[in-house]
Amino acid sequence: MDLNKRTFLVLSGSSNPLGQSLALEFCRRLATGSVALILDEDQQQLRELEDLLQSELKTETIKVTTGKLNDSHSNGVQLMEQALKDHFKVVGDNQRFERSIMLHNEGLAASHVLLEPQSTEDWKEYVQQQLYAPVALSQRWLQSGYLAKVEKLAVNVTSSLMVRPLVHAGLLCSCKRARDMYFRAMAAEEHRFDVHVLSFSPGLMDSHRGQCDMNGNEITPAELVASKQLLQLPRIQPSQATLKLINILEEISFVSGHDVDYYDTFVL
């Protein structure tokens, strides 16, 4: 997959170092006339990331727009539609995008969180942010008239810690599995419309540390990961995970709808 095309990129979840690395490395590879929409609920992080991208990228090549998500992340659809509307108001309908990429990064949930929500309200908020909101945004992205007949790539950045039943993490596992199944279904339903889907697990991040629950019990990665062999592998830095994902897209291959883990036997 050649990433150097005129692209409409949406990155949802940029508040962690992985999201920042994804934004920078993907934007570097996009062709002139591309638009990147970066979404997150942390306004300060968005401002800092926008400044970083403006300093690192050629601003005449790609336009970077940021959007602040509300507490439930339910306004992502409106932010995306507005960004598309603003773009085509300037360039007109003649300069269509060649591809659109949707990057669903889980934010801190993918790179820091081991402990599932402790209260009912926290759990509802987690499911809204990590399941309902990404599904709603993805559905609107698939159906947007601005992106009709445009090749699409959806990347679900998830956590390999939670894709199998684990002690202390039943609620998280169920939410992540539901999200994983949605993207598998998208791959099956939309492949005839030139939509490609990849679920990518960045591995055990260097930022994963032990956490305490409401009762003071500490949960560590060693208690969640059943494979001792996995625990002996090196912790992953954000730039390593990002470059592995890009390498899979550009140099190797993947089966649309399938999961790929950083520790799979790919050569970076």
Protein backbone atom coordinates (compact mmCIF):
# COMPACT_ATOMS: atom_id res chain seq x y z
CA MET A 1 0.00 0.00 0.00
CA ASP A 2 1.49 3.30 -1.12
CA LEU A 3 0.69 5.87 1.58
CA ASN A 4 1.92 8.74 -0.59
CA LYS A 5 -1.52 9.60 -1.94
CA ARG A 6 -3.86 12.56 -1.52
CA THR A 7 -5.55 11.40 1.66
CA PHE A 8 -8.18 12.39 4.17
CA LEU A 9 -6.76 11.08 7.46
CA VAL A 10 -8.74 10.89 10.69
CA LEU A 11 -6.86 10.03 13.89
CA SER A 12 -9.10 9.57 16.91
CA GLY A 13 -7.21 9.42 20.22
CA SER A 14 -3.92 11.33 20.26
CA SER A 15 -3.44 12.00 23.98
CA ASN A 16 -0.85 9.25 24.47
CA PRO A 17 2.69 9.07 23.00
CA LEU A 18 1.56 6.37 20.57
CA GLY A 19 -1.13 8.64 19.12
CA GLN A 20 1.37 11.46 18.71
CA SER A 21 3.79 9.14 16.92
CA LEU A 22 1.02 7.83 14.64
CA ALA A 23 0.01 11.37 13.71
CA LEU A 24 3.54 12.47 12.86
CA GLU A 25 4.66 9.41 10.90
CA PHE A 26 1.46 9.02 8.88
CA CYS A 27 1.28 12.73 8.03
CA ARG A 28 4.89 12.63 6.84
CA ARG A 29 3.97 10.09 4.18
CA LEU A 30 0.84 11.69 2.74
CA ALA A 31 0.83 13.44 -0.63
CA THR A 32 0.24 17.10 -1.35
CA GLY A 33 -3.39 18.11 -0.92
CA SER A 34 -3.99 15.77 2.02
CA VAL A 35 -6.00 16.73 5.09
CA ALA A 36 -5.41 15.34 8.59
CA LEU A 37 -8.10 15.62 11.26
CA ILE A 38 -6.76 14.91 14.76
CA LEU A 39 -9.41 14.25 17.43
CA ASP A 40 -8.99 14.07 21.20
CA GLU A 41 -10.70 15.26 24.38
CA ASP A 42 -7.54 16.90 25.78
CA GLN A 43 -7.35 20.41 24.33
CA GLN A 44 -3.84 21.02 25.66
CA GLN A 45 -2.51 17.83 24.09
CA LEU A 46 -4.18 18.73 20.80
CA ARG A 47 -2.56 22.16 20.82
CA GLU A 48 0.89 20.72 21.54
CA LEU A 49 0.51 18.05 18.84
CA GLU A 50 -0.66 20.61 16.30
CA ASP A 51 2.41 22.75 17.04
CA LEU A 52 4.64 19.69 16.63
CA LEU A 53 3.10 18.76 13.29
CA GLN A 54 3.32 22.33 12.02
CA SER A 55 7.04 22.43 12.85
CA GLU A 56 7.85 18.98 11.47
CA LEU A 57 5.73 18.96 8.32
CA LYS A 58 5.59 21.03 5.16
CA THR A 59 2.40 22.99 5.76
CA GLU A 60 1.91 23.51 2.03
CA THR A 61 1.74 19.71 1.58
CA ILE A 62 -0.83 18.75 4.19
CA LYS A 63 -3.46 20.66 6.13
CA VAL A 64 -3.70 19.66 9.80
CA THR A 65 -6.98 20.31 11.64
CA THR A 66 -7.71 19.44 15.26
CA GLY A 67 -11.05 18.82 16.93
CA LYS A 68 -11.87 18.55 20.63
CA LEU A 69 -14.05 15.59 21.50
CA ASN A 70 -16.69 16.00 24.20
CA ASP A 71 -16.80 13.77 27.28
CA SER A 72 -18.75 11.05 25.46
CA HIS A 73 -16.79 11.45 22.18
CA SER A 74 -20.16 11.67 20.43
CA ASN A 75 -19.31 14.82 18.46
CA GLY A 76 -16.63 13.14 16.35
CA VAL A 77 -19.10 12.71 13.50
CA GLN A 78 -19.88 16.43 13.39
CA LEU A 79 -16.19 17.38 13.57
CA MET A 80 -15.36 15.08 10.65
CA GLU A 81 -18.22 16.30 8.49
CA GLN A 82 -17.28 19.93 9.16
CA ALA A 83 -13.64 19.30 8.22
CA LEU A 84 -14.72 17.71 4.93
CA LYS A 85 -17.20 20.49 4.20
CA ASP A 86 -14.58 23.17 4.86
CA HIS A 87 -12.05 21.41 2.62
CA PHE A 88 -14.32 21.06 -0.39
CA LYS A 89 -15.59 24.61 0.04
CA VAL A 90 -12.02 25.73 -0.69
CA VAL A 91 -10.86 23.26 -3.36
CA GLY A 92 -14.17 22.36 -5.00
CA ASP A 93 -15.37 18.95 -6.10
CA ASN A 94 -12.72 18.49 -8.78
CA GLN A 95 -9.91 17.66 -6.34
CA ARG A 96 -11.19 14.45 -4.77
CA PHE A 97 -9.19 12.43 -2.30
CA GLU A 98 -7.45 9.29 -3.56
CA ARG A 99 -7.77 7.51 -0.23
CA SER A 100 -9.14 7.98 3.27
CA ILE A 101 -7.58 6.49 6.40
CA MET A 102 -9.36 6.14 9.74
CA LEU A 103 -6.99 5.50 12.66
CA HIS A 104 -8.80 4.56 15.86
CA ASN A 105 -6.23 4.82 18.62
CA GLU A 106 -7.55 4.02 22.09
CA GLY A 107 -5.54 6.80 23.68
CA LEU A 108 -4.38 6.01 27.20
CA ALA A 109 -6.50 2.84 27.16
CA ALA A 110 -4.03 1.25 24.73
CA SER A 111 -0.77 2.37 26.27
CA HIS A 112 -1.33 2.80 30.01
CA VAL A 113 -4.54 1.22 31.31
CA LEU A 114 -4.49 -2.27 32.83
CA LEU A 115 -7.22 -1.85 35.39
CA GLU A 116 -10.84 -1.85 34.24
CA PRO A 117 -13.33 0.81 35.42
CA GLN A 118 -14.25 0.42 39.07
CA SER A 119 -17.69 2.02 39.17
CA THR A 120 -20.82 1.58 37.05
CA GLU A 121 -20.65 5.14 35.74
CA ASP A 122 -16.97 4.80 34.83
CA TRP A 123 -17.75 1.58 32.97
CA LYS A 124 -20.58 3.20 30.99
CA GLU A 125 -18.29 6.10 30.09
CA TYR A 126 -15.56 3.69 28.97
CA VAL A 127 -17.90 1.74 26.68
CA GLN A 128 -19.28 4.97 25.21
CA GLN A 129 -15.81 6.27 24.43
CA GLN A 130 -14.15 3.03 23.33
CA LEU A 131 -17.02 1.22 21.55
CA TYR A 132 -20.11 3.28 20.73
CA ALA A 133 -18.30 6.46 19.63
CA PRO A 134 -15.74 4.72 17.32
CA VAL A 135 -18.53 2.68 15.71
CA ALA A 136 -20.66 5.80 15.09
CA LEU A 137 -17.69 7.69 13.63
CA SER A 138 -16.71 4.76 11.41
CA GLN A 139 -20.24 4.32 10.08
CA ARG A 140 -20.48 7.98 9.13
CA TRP A 141 -17.04 7.78 7.53
CA LEU A 142 -18.14 4.83 5.40
CA GLN A 143 -21.32 6.59 4.32
CA SER A 144 -20.01 10.13 3.81
CA GLY A 145 -20.88 11.55 0.41
CA TYR A 146 -17.60 13.48 0.39
CA LEU A 147 -15.73 10.14 0.40
CA ALA A 148 -17.94 8.21 -2.01
CA LYS A 149 -15.99 5.79 -4.25
CA VAL A 150 -12.76 6.63 -2.40
CA GLU A 151 -10.50 3.77 -1.30
CA LYS A 152 -10.61 3.45 2.49
CA LEU A 153 -8.37 1.96 5.18
CA ALA A 154 -9.58 1.54 8.76
CA VAL A 155 -6.99 0.74 11.44
CA ASN A 156 -8.18 -0.30 14.87
CA VAL A 157 -5.31 0.20 17.32
CA THR A 158 -6.15 -2.03 20.25
CA SER A 159 -4.31 -3.91 23.00
CA SER A 160 -3.20 -7.52 22.80
CA LEU A 161 -3.53 -7.66 26.59
CA MET A 162 -7.30 -7.65 26.30
CA VAL A 163 -8.23 -9.81 23.32
CA ARG A 164 -8.43 -13.00 25.37
CA PRO A 165 -10.17 -13.73 28.70
CA LEU A 166 -8.01 -12.47 31.55
CA VAL A 167 -8.33 -12.34 35.32
CA HIS A 168 -9.20 -8.85 36.68
CA ALA A 169 -10.26 -7.65 33.22
CA GLY A 170 -13.56 -9.27 32.23
CA LEU A 171 -15.32 -6.01 31.41
CA LEU A 172 -12.40 -4.65 29.39
CA CYS A 173 -12.06 -7.91 27.48
CA SER A 174 -15.73 -7.91 26.50
CA CYS A 175 -15.62 -4.32 25.26
CA LYS A 176 -12.45 -4.83 23.25
CA ARG A 177 -13.77 -8.07 21.75
CA ALA A 178 -16.98 -6.32 20.68
CA ARG A 179 -14.91 -3.57 19.06
CA ASP A 180 -12.71 -6.17 17.35
CA MET A 181 -15.78 -7.98 15.97
CA TYR A 182 -17.19 -4.74 14.59
CA PHE A 183 -14.07 -4.18 12.51
CA ARG A 184 -14.06 -7.80 11.35
CA ALA A 185 -17.66 -7.35 10.21
CA MET A 186 -16.73 -4.11 8.46
CA ALA A 187 -14.05 -5.94 6.48
CA ALA A 188 -16.53 -8.62 5.39
CA GLU A 189 -19.34 -6.21 4.51
CA GLU A 190 -17.38 -3.42 2.84
CA HIS A 191 -14.62 -5.22 0.92
CA ARG A 192 -16.54 -4.89 -2.36
CA PHE A 193 -16.44 -1.12 -1.89
CA ASP A 194 -12.61 -1.05 -1.67
CA VAL A 195 -12.50 -0.83 2.14
CA HIS A 196 -9.57 -2.46 3.93
CA VAL A 197 -9.49 -3.11 7.68
CA LEU A 198 -6.65 -3.94 10.08
CA SER A 199 -6.69 -4.39 13.86
CA PHE A 200 -3.20 -3.70 15.17
CA SER A 201 -1.95 -4.49 18.68
CA PRO A 202 1.17 -2.44 19.46
CA GLY A 203 2.45 -4.91 22.05
CA LEU A 204 3.30 -4.46 25.70
CA MET A 205 4.12 -0.76 25.82
CA ASP A 206 6.89 0.68 27.93
CA SER A 207 4.21 2.84 29.55
CA HIS A 208 2.30 -0.18 30.98
CA ARG A 209 2.89 -0.11 34.73
CA GLY A 210 1.17 -1.58 37.77
CA GLN A 211 -2.06 0.10 38.90
CA CYS A 212 -4.05 -0.01 42.13
CA ASP A 213 -7.79 -0.57 42.35
CA MET A 214 -10.20 1.09 44.77
CA ASN A 215 -9.24 -1.39 47.49
CA GLY A 216 -5.53 -0.84 47.11
CA ASN A 217 -4.85 -4.09 45.26
CA GLU A 218 -2.12 -3.68 42.65
CA ILE A 219 -2.61 -5.13 39.17
CA THR A 220 0.58 -5.67 37.18
CA PRO A 221 1.24 -6.76 33.57
CA ALA A 222 2.65 -10.05 34.89
CA GLU A 223 -0.75 -10.88 36.39
CA LEU A 224 -2.57 -10.23 33.12
CA VAL A 225 -0.22 -11.82 30.62
CA ALA A 226 -0.32 -15.60 30.77
CA SER A 227 2.71 -16.12 28.54
CA LYS A 228 6.00 -15.86 30.43
CA GLN A 229 7.74 -15.76 27.05
CA LEU A 230 5.83 -12.58 26.18
CA LEU A 231 6.87 -10.94 29.44
CA GLN A 232 10.51 -11.56 28.56
CA LEU A 233 10.22 -9.68 25.29
CA PRO A 234 11.32 -6.03 25.26
CA ARG A 235 8.80 -3.34 26.07
CA ILE A 236 7.69 -1.37 23.02
CA GLN A 237 8.29 2.33 22.40
CA PRO A 238 5.63 4.37 20.51
CA SER A 239 7.89 4.99 17.52
CA GLN A 240 8.65 1.25 17.22
CA ALA A 241 4.95 0.34 17.17
CA THR A 242 4.17 3.08 14.64
CA LEU A 243 6.94 2.07 12.26
CA LYS A 244 5.92 -1.59 12.52
CA LEU A 245 2.35 -0.68 11.54
CA ILE A 246 3.54 1.41 8.60
CA ASN A 247 5.91 -1.38 7.56
CA ILE A 248 3.02 -3.86 7.49
CA LEU A 249 0.97 -1.50 5.33
CA GLU A 250 3.73 -0.48 2.93
CA GLU A 251 6.11 -3.41 2.65
CA ILE A 252 4.40 -6.63 3.66
CA SER A 253 0.74 -7.52 3.46
CA PHE A 254 -2.24 -8.22 5.68
CA VAL A 255 -5.57 -9.96 5.46
CA SER A 256 -8.37 -7.42 5.76
CA GLY A 257 -10.29 -7.88 9.01
CA HIS A 258 -7.58 -9.86 10.78
CA ASP A 259 -5.59 -8.96 13.89
CA VAL A 260 -1.86 -8.30 13.75
CA ASP A 261 0.27 -8.10 16.89
CA TYR A 262 3.59 -6.28 17.14
CA TYR A 263 5.22 -9.51 18.27
CA ASP A 264 4.06 -11.45 15.22
CA THR A 265 6.85 -12.72 12.99
CA PHE A 266 7.09 -9.74 10.68
CA VAL A 267 10.43 -8.12 9.85
CA LEU A 268 10.58 -4.41 10.58
